[in-house]
Protein backbone atom coordinates (compact mmCIF):
# COMPACT_ATOMS: atom_id res chain seq x y z
CA UNK A 1 173.60 237.47 8.78
CA UNK A 2 173.29 234.29 10.87
CA UNK A 3 175.84 233.51 13.60
CA UNK A 4 178.91 231.38 12.96
CA UNK A 5 178.43 228.10 14.83
CA UNK A 6 181.45 226.09 13.61
CA UNK A 7 184.88 227.31 12.60
CA UNK A 8 188.11 225.66 11.53
CA UNK A 9 191.27 227.71 11.90
CA UNK A 10 194.53 226.76 10.18
CA UNK A 11 193.92 223.01 10.60
CA UNK A 12 196.87 220.81 9.70
CA UNK A 13 196.87 217.03 9.43
CA UNK A 14 199.32 214.50 8.06
CA UNK A 15 199.53 210.73 7.92
CA UNK A 16 203.20 209.86 8.40
CA UNK A 17 205.04 211.75 5.63
CA UNK A 18 201.90 212.63 3.67
CA UNK A 19 200.55 216.11 4.39
CA UNK A 20 196.75 216.13 3.93
CA UNK A 21 195.70 219.49 5.36
CA UNK A 22 198.12 222.37 5.32
CA UNK A 23 196.16 225.15 7.00
CA UNK A 24 192.46 224.61 6.32
CA UNK A 25 190.25 227.47 7.47
CA UNK A 26 186.50 227.99 6.98
CA UNK A 27 183.30 228.58 8.93
CA UNK A 28 179.70 227.40 8.96
CA UNK A 29 176.79 229.67 9.83
CA UNK A 30 173.53 228.73 11.50
CA UNK A 31 171.07 227.20 9.02
CA UNK A 32 173.66 227.09 6.23
CA UNK A 33 174.68 224.11 4.11
CA UNK A 34 178.16 224.21 2.61
CA UNK A 35 179.55 221.82 0.05
CA UNK A 36 183.08 220.50 0.61
CA UNK A 37 184.56 219.35 -2.69
CA UNK A 38 187.95 218.40 -4.06
CA UNK A 39 189.73 215.69 -5.98
CA UNK A 40 190.07 212.22 -4.40
CA UNK A 41 192.73 212.15 -1.70
CA UNK A 42 192.39 215.79 -0.67
CA UNK A 43 191.06 214.84 2.77
CA UNK A 44 187.41 215.86 2.61
CA UNK A 45 186.15 213.02 4.79
CA UNK A 46 189.18 213.38 7.08
CA UNK A 47 187.99 216.92 7.83
CA UNK A 48 184.54 215.66 8.82
CA UNK A 49 186.06 213.02 11.08
CA UNK A 50 188.36 215.63 12.60
CA UNK A 51 185.42 217.88 13.47
CA UNK A 52 183.88 215.23 15.73
CA UNK A 53 187.15 213.88 17.07
CA UNK A 54 187.40 210.64 15.11
CA UNK A 55 190.73 211.97 13.80
CA UNK A 56 193.18 214.05 15.82
CA UNK A 57 194.46 217.17 14.06
CA UNK A 58 198.17 217.99 14.24
CA UNK A 59 197.64 221.71 14.85
CA UNK A 60 195.09 224.48 14.42
CA UNK A 61 191.72 224.96 16.09
CA UNK A 62 188.19 223.62 15.67
CA UNK A 63 185.58 225.74 17.43
CA UNK A 64 181.90 225.03 18.06
CA UNK A 65 180.06 228.14 19.30
CA UNK A 66 183.49 229.71 19.91
CA UNK A 67 184.58 226.85 22.18
CA UNK A 68 187.49 224.66 21.12
CA UNK A 69 186.47 221.05 20.63
CA UNK A 70 189.66 219.65 19.07
CA UNK A 71 191.28 219.01 22.47
CA UNK A 72 188.30 217.58 24.33
CA UNK A 73 188.32 214.31 26.21
CA UNK A 74 186.39 211.38 24.79
CA UNK A 75 183.69 211.94 27.41
CA UNK A 76 183.30 215.60 26.45
CA UNK A 77 183.28 214.70 22.76
CA UNK A 78 180.40 212.34 23.46
CA UNK A 79 178.24 215.36 24.26
CA UNK A 80 179.43 217.28 21.19
CA UNK A 81 178.47 214.35 18.96
CA UNK A 82 174.83 214.72 20.03
CA UNK A 83 174.95 218.25 18.57
CA UNK A 84 177.17 217.56 15.53
CA UNK A 85 175.99 214.36 13.86
CA UNK A 86 177.88 212.32 11.27
CA UNK A 87 175.97 210.60 8.46
CA UNK A 88 178.36 207.88 7.30
CA UNK A 89 178.78 207.21 3.58
CA UNK A 90 177.58 203.61 3.85
CA UNK A 91 174.75 204.34 6.25
CA UNK A 92 176.64 202.28 8.90
CA UNK A 93 173.48 200.57 10.15
CA UNK A 94 173.49 197.93 12.86
CA UNK A 95 172.93 194.65 10.99
CA UNK A 96 171.14 193.03 13.93
CA UNK A 97 168.57 195.82 14.27
CA UNK A 98 165.64 196.62 12.02
CA UNK A 99 165.08 200.08 10.54
CA UNK A 100 163.00 201.31 13.49
CA UNK A 101 165.54 200.06 16.04
CA UNK A 102 168.45 201.65 14.18
CA UNK A 103 166.82 205.09 14.25
CA UNK A 104 165.53 204.65 17.80
CA UNK A 105 168.91 203.60 19.19
CA UNK A 106 170.29 207.15 19.84
CA UNK A 107 167.02 208.14 21.51
CA UNK A 108 167.08 205.22 23.93
CA UNK A 109 170.78 205.83 24.63
CA UNK A 110 170.77 209.60 25.09
CA UNK A 111 167.26 210.67 26.15
CA UNK A 112 164.68 209.87 28.81
CA UNK A 113 161.83 209.55 26.33
CA UNK A 114 159.31 206.79 26.94
CA UNK A 115 158.92 203.97 24.44
CA UNK A 116 155.73 205.57 23.18
CA UNK A 117 157.45 208.94 22.74
CA UNK A 118 160.37 207.31 20.93
CA UNK A 119 157.99 205.52 18.59
CA UNK A 120 156.19 208.76 17.72
CA UNK A 121 159.48 210.58 17.07
CA UNK A 122 160.99 207.75 15.01
CA UNK A 123 157.84 207.42 12.89
CA UNK A 124 157.98 211.16 12.16
CA UNK A 125 161.66 210.96 11.16
CA UNK A 126 161.12 207.90 8.98
CA UNK A 127 158.19 209.62 7.33
CA UNK A 128 160.51 212.52 6.52
CA UNK A 129 162.85 210.18 4.62
CA UNK A 130 160.03 208.14 3.05
CA UNK A 131 160.92 204.98 5.01
CA UNK A 132 158.05 204.65 7.49
CA UNK A 133 156.52 201.70 5.65
CA UNK A 134 159.86 199.86 5.87
CA UNK A 135 160.50 200.28 9.58
CA UNK A 136 160.35 196.56 10.39
CA UNK A 137 162.78 195.57 7.63
CA UNK A 138 166.36 194.56 8.37
CA UNK A 139 169.32 196.37 6.73
CA UNK A 140 169.95 193.28 4.58
CA UNK A 141 166.48 193.76 3.08
CA UNK A 142 167.25 197.32 1.94
CA UNK A 143 168.81 198.71 -1.22
CA UNK A 144 171.88 200.93 -0.94
CA UNK A 145 169.76 204.04 -1.35
CA UNK A 146 167.33 202.94 1.35
CA UNK A 147 170.19 202.21 3.74
CA UNK A 148 171.55 205.71 3.21
CA UNK A 149 168.13 207.22 3.88
CA UNK A 150 167.87 205.29 7.15
CA UNK A 151 171.39 206.44 8.02
CA UNK A 152 170.31 210.05 7.44
CA UNK A 153 167.24 209.48 9.61
CA UNK A 154 169.36 208.12 12.45
CA UNK A 155 171.84 211.02 12.15
CA UNK A 156 169.12 213.55 12.95
CA UNK A 157 167.27 211.53 15.60
CA UNK A 158 168.66 213.67 18.44
CA UNK A 159 167.86 216.91 16.57
CA UNK A 160 171.52 217.96 16.23
CA UNK A 161 172.48 221.45 15.19
CA UNK A 162 174.90 220.33 12.47
CA UNK A 163 174.75 217.36 10.10
CA UNK A 164 177.97 216.14 8.48
CA UNK A 165 177.07 214.39 5.22
CA UNK A 166 179.84 212.08 3.99
CA UNK A 167 179.11 211.47 0.29
CA UNK A 168 175.44 210.50 0.81
CA UNK A 169 174.78 210.31 -2.96
CA UNK A 170 177.84 208.23 -3.88
CA UNK A 171 177.06 205.12 -5.91
CA UNK A 172 173.35 205.86 -6.22
CA UNK A 173 171.19 205.99 -9.34
CA UNK A 174 169.66 209.36 -10.33
CA UNK A 175 166.30 208.59 -8.70
CA UNK A 176 167.90 207.85 -5.33
CA UNK A 177 170.23 210.83 -5.66
CA UNK A 178 167.19 213.08 -6.06
CA UNK A 179 165.54 211.44 -3.02
CA UNK A 180 168.63 212.09 -0.88
CA UNK A 181 168.86 215.70 -2.05
CA UNK A 182 165.20 216.28 -1.24
CA UNK A 183 165.79 214.91 2.26
CA UNK A 184 168.75 217.24 2.71
CA UNK A 185 166.60 220.17 1.58
CA UNK A 186 163.94 219.18 4.14
CA UNK A 187 166.57 219.08 6.88
CA UNK A 188 167.85 222.48 5.78
CA UNK A 189 164.37 224.02 5.76
CA UNK A 190 163.90 222.65 9.29
CA UNK A 191 166.87 224.76 10.40
CA UNK A 192 169.70 222.24 10.42
CA UNK A 193 173.17 223.34 9.30
CA UNK A 194 175.24 220.99 7.18
CA UNK A 195 178.58 220.20 5.59
CA UNK A 196 178.12 218.14 2.44
CA UNK A 197 181.22 216.21 1.32
CA UNK A 198 180.70 215.11 -2.26
CA UNK A 199 182.20 214.53 -5.69
CA UNK A 200 178.84 215.36 -7.24
CA UNK A 201 179.05 219.00 -8.35
CA UNK A 202 175.45 219.18 -9.70
CA UNK A 203 174.16 217.83 -6.36
CA UNK A 204 176.18 220.38 -4.42
CA UNK A 205 174.90 223.20 -6.60
CA UNK A 206 171.31 222.15 -5.84
CA UNK A 207 171.48 222.16 -2.05
CA UNK A 208 174.44 224.28 -0.92
CA UNK A 209 174.63 227.94 0.02
CA UNK A 210 178.38 227.97 -0.45
CA UNK A 211 180.99 225.70 -2.00
CA UNK A 212 184.46 225.06 -0.58
CA UNK A 213 187.08 223.50 -2.85
CA UNK A 214 190.09 221.77 -1.29
CA UNK A 215 193.37 221.96 -3.20
CA UNK A 216 196.95 221.43 -2.00
CA UNK A 217 195.82 221.11 1.60
CA UNK A 218 193.96 224.43 1.82
CA UNK A 219 190.60 225.91 0.81
CA UNK A 220 191.30 227.13 -2.73
CA UNK A 221 187.78 228.43 -3.36
CA UNK A 222 185.04 229.65 -1.01
CA UNK A 223 181.98 231.12 -2.68
CA UNK A 224 178.36 230.80 -3.70
CA UNK A 225 177.21 228.35 -6.38
CA UNK A 226 176.84 231.28 -8.76
CA UNK A 227 180.39 232.48 -8.03
CA UNK A 228 181.61 228.93 -8.62
CA UNK A 229 179.88 228.66 -11.98
CA UNK A 230 181.11 232.09 -13.06
CA UNK A 231 184.66 231.71 -11.75
CA UNK A 232 187.48 232.46 -14.19
CA UNK A 233 190.03 230.68 -12.01
CA UNK A 234 191.79 228.10 -14.19
CA UNK A 235 191.68 225.39 -11.54
CA UNK A 236 187.97 225.93 -10.83
CA UNK A 237 187.15 225.84 -14.55
CA UNK A 238 189.06 222.56 -14.91
CA UNK A 239 187.53 221.14 -11.71
CA UNK A 240 183.98 222.00 -12.72
CA UNK A 241 184.43 220.11 -16.01
CA UNK A 242 186.01 217.04 -14.42
CA UNK A 243 184.57 213.88 -12.89
CA UNK A 244 186.75 214.48 -9.81
């Protein structure tokens, strides 16, 4: 069994009087993709942001390779974020940069690669997400699906160990959903680990090794896609038949 590389222990988080997480615990193994699902408002994206320090947790522990990262300084978190990369739901591209420049940005900022080396690497990444022919286009020239693919490309530019996918298929037509899922499968086959926040149960079943279901501030279900589909738990049966 592969090593555990990320672990959340009894994580609690509230916004004023509203308790979001009430003791969330789970782990992620090397090379594994887990789906993080739950009804709207259960704090799925908040968990992703907490992992990389964009949200402060109230209590509990977040460990990366057995080292706590939930209490790190902003400078120390900067280094963690090169190893745990966040793919934002919208793509979050820089409007003033073209596709190539958006993907190249982390490489120029965080590596000593030459311009030629950056170009070779970016071309390879864009080829992986079927966007190489569009590298000189601006974000405003791209469809929503294309923007998300570029966002995914940028998220893995530094070859992180873990990719945090924040609803990458949301709002897309079936063709673009399939494209995104194929990209995620490519990343997985290349050895990346991932946490896939989604409302799309069929998509999660296609790419995830395990599914985690948030309910009442804790992980209510943690199991394989087959265990999810065969579960006799009343909540899971209702959840699997809902639109979330």
